[in-house]
Amino acid sequence: MNQDWINALFGGALIGIAVSLMLFLNGRVTGISGIINGAIAPLKGDTLWRVLFIAGLLLGGVVMGQVNSKVCENTITAEVWTTITAGLLVGFGTILGSGCTSGHGVCGISRMSPRSLVATVVFMVAGIAAVFIFRKLGVY
């Protein structure tokens, strides 16, 4: 029996609960790029929670890898240069879009932010276009 939908439902619920708690208890939007940027260029008194949040993300990955090592298998078949280029483009996109998919897509849309709705549509269209172009070129 395929239980992927159960995992997706459970994961989505956990993400929704986590970002709601972050906003309710900390008054912060859970945008990962903004949290990391704030940890890299810290403001006094605004660093500890960011570092702990990032550590929690990393620790969560380690724990999940121990619980189910299959989740951490490298299934990427693309060339290394393609993966690096994609990562750099995503990083540039988060700067250009003033946030990432977690900030705009999860938190912004749930707050009915018009800016986040536009940003998420642009993320999705750009991602779909990139996959289409790369597949047509035979790169991926």
Protein backbone atom coordinates (compact mmCIF):
# COMPACT_ATOMS: atom_id res chain seq x y z
CA MET A 1 0.00 0.00 0.00
CA ASN A 2 1.34 3.41 -0.99
CA GLN A 3 1.42 5.66 2.06
CA ASP A 4 3.13 8.69 0.48
CA TRP A 5 -0.03 10.74 0.84
CA ILE A 6 -0.12 10.01 4.58
CA ASN A 7 3.50 11.17 4.95
CA ALA A 8 2.73 14.30 2.92
CA LEU A 9 -0.38 15.04 5.00
CA PHE A 10 1.50 14.51 8.27
CA GLY A 11 4.48 16.58 7.08
CA GLY A 12 2.24 19.40 5.88
CA ALA A 13 0.39 19.45 9.18
CA LEU A 14 3.67 19.60 11.10
CA ILE A 15 4.89 22.48 8.92
CA GLY A 16 1.60 24.34 9.41
CA ILE A 17 1.71 23.87 13.18
CA ALA A 18 5.39 24.89 13.35
CA VAL A 19 5.00 28.11 11.37
CA SER A 20 1.83 29.00 13.29
CA LEU A 21 3.63 28.52 16.60
CA MET A 22 6.59 30.57 15.38
CA LEU A 23 4.30 33.45 14.45
CA PHE A 24 2.13 33.16 17.57
CA LEU A 25 4.92 32.66 20.14
CA ASN A 26 7.79 34.57 18.54
CA GLY A 27 6.03 37.06 16.28
CA ARG A 28 8.25 35.92 13.39
CA VAL A 29 7.57 34.55 9.95
CA THR A 30 9.32 31.23 9.34
CA GLY A 31 11.22 32.22 6.21
CA ILE A 32 14.36 30.11 6.18
CA SER A 33 16.42 32.45 3.99
CA GLY A 34 15.59 35.38 6.28
CA ILE A 35 16.45 33.37 9.38
CA ILE A 36 19.78 32.28 7.92
CA ASN A 37 20.54 35.79 6.66
CA GLY A 38 19.84 37.16 10.14
CA ALA A 39 22.22 34.61 11.64
CA ILE A 40 24.97 35.50 9.16
CA ALA A 41 24.58 39.27 9.64
CA PRO A 42 23.31 39.29 13.24
CA LEU A 43 21.71 42.14 15.11
CA LYS A 44 22.35 42.36 18.83
CA GLY A 45 19.83 40.28 20.78
CA ASP A 46 18.38 38.72 17.63
CA THR A 47 20.80 35.88 17.01
CA LEU A 48 20.30 33.07 19.52
CA TRP A 49 16.85 32.00 18.34
CA ARG A 50 18.06 31.99 14.72
CA VAL A 51 21.08 29.81 15.52
CA LEU A 52 18.91 27.44 17.56
CA PHE A 53 16.35 27.27 14.75
CA ILE A 54 19.05 26.38 12.18
CA ALA A 55 20.56 23.84 14.58
CA GLY A 56 17.09 22.31 14.98
CA LEU A 57 16.73 21.99 11.20
CA LEU A 58 20.10 20.24 10.97
CA LEU A 59 19.45 18.06 14.01
CA GLY A 60 16.04 17.10 12.63
CA GLY A 61 17.71 15.90 9.44
CA VAL A 62 20.25 13.86 11.41
CA VAL A 63 17.53 12.29 13.58
CA MET A 64 15.39 11.50 10.53
CA GLY A 65 18.42 9.92 8.86
CA GLN A 66 18.88 7.68 11.89
CA VAL A 67 15.20 6.75 12.04
CA ASN A 68 14.90 6.07 8.31
CA SER A 69 18.15 6.21 6.35
CA LYS A 70 16.24 5.96 3.08
CA VAL A 71 15.17 9.59 3.42
CA CYS A 72 18.77 10.74 3.20
CA GLU A 73 19.71 8.71 0.11
CA ASN A 74 21.15 10.81 -2.69
CA THR A 75 18.79 10.29 -5.61
CA ILE A 76 20.05 13.25 -7.64
CA THR A 77 21.16 12.08 -11.06
CA ALA A 78 22.16 15.50 -12.38
CA GLU A 79 25.74 16.55 -12.98
CA VAL A 80 27.45 18.32 -10.08
CA TRP A 81 27.67 21.59 -12.05
CA THR A 82 23.90 21.49 -12.62
CA THR A 83 23.24 21.07 -8.91
CA ILE A 84 25.63 23.91 -8.01
CA THR A 85 24.10 26.19 -10.66
CA ALA A 86 20.59 25.38 -9.41
CA GLY A 87 21.61 26.17 -5.83
CA LEU A 88 23.13 29.50 -6.84
CA LEU A 89 20.03 30.41 -8.85
CA VAL A 90 17.79 29.57 -5.91
CA GLY A 91 19.98 31.70 -3.64
CA PHE A 92 19.80 34.59 -6.10
CA GLY A 93 16.04 34.12 -6.35
CA THR A 94 15.59 34.44 -2.60
CA ILE A 95 17.45 37.75 -2.70
CA LEU A 96 15.51 38.96 -5.75
CA GLY A 97 12.18 37.83 -4.30
CA SER A 98 12.88 39.14 -0.78
CA GLY A 99 12.37 35.69 0.65
CA CYS A 100 12.11 32.01 -0.10
CA THR A 101 9.35 29.52 -0.70
CA SER A 102 8.93 28.87 3.00
CA GLY A 103 8.50 32.54 3.81
CA HIS A 104 6.29 33.45 0.88
CA GLY A 105 4.68 30.13 0.01
CA VAL A 106 3.89 28.76 3.45
CA CYS A 107 3.73 31.80 5.71
CA GLY A 108 2.88 34.62 3.28
CA ILE A 109 0.01 32.91 1.51
CA SER A 110 -1.48 31.74 4.81
CA ARG A 111 -1.45 35.39 5.91
CA MET A 112 -3.07 36.32 2.57
CA SER A 113 -0.18 38.57 1.57
CA PRO A 114 -0.61 39.74 -2.04
CA ARG A 115 3.18 40.13 -2.37
CA SER A 116 3.71 36.54 -1.26
CA LEU A 117 1.04 35.27 -3.62
CA VAL A 118 2.78 36.96 -6.56
CA ALA A 119 6.20 35.74 -5.39
CA THR A 120 4.95 32.15 -5.05
CA VAL A 121 3.38 32.20 -8.51
CA VAL A 122 6.67 33.52 -9.93
CA PHE A 123 8.64 30.79 -8.06
CA MET A 124 6.37 28.10 -9.46
CA VAL A 125 6.34 29.41 -13.03
CA ALA A 126 10.13 29.86 -13.02
CA GLY A 127 10.63 26.34 -11.65
CA ILE A 128 8.31 24.80 -14.21
CA ALA A 129 9.95 26.78 -17.03
CA ALA A 130 13.44 25.77 -15.86
CA VAL A 131 12.54 22.07 -15.81
CA PHE A 132 10.94 22.34 -19.25
CA ILE A 133 13.96 24.15 -20.74
CA PHE A 134 16.54 21.87 -19.13
CA ARG A 135 14.71 18.75 -20.29
CA LYS A 136 14.39 20.09 -23.82
CA LEU A 137 18.14 20.83 -23.82
CA GLY A 138 18.82 17.35 -22.51
CA VAL A 139 20.63 18.71 -19.45
CA TYR A 140 18.43 16.91 -16.96
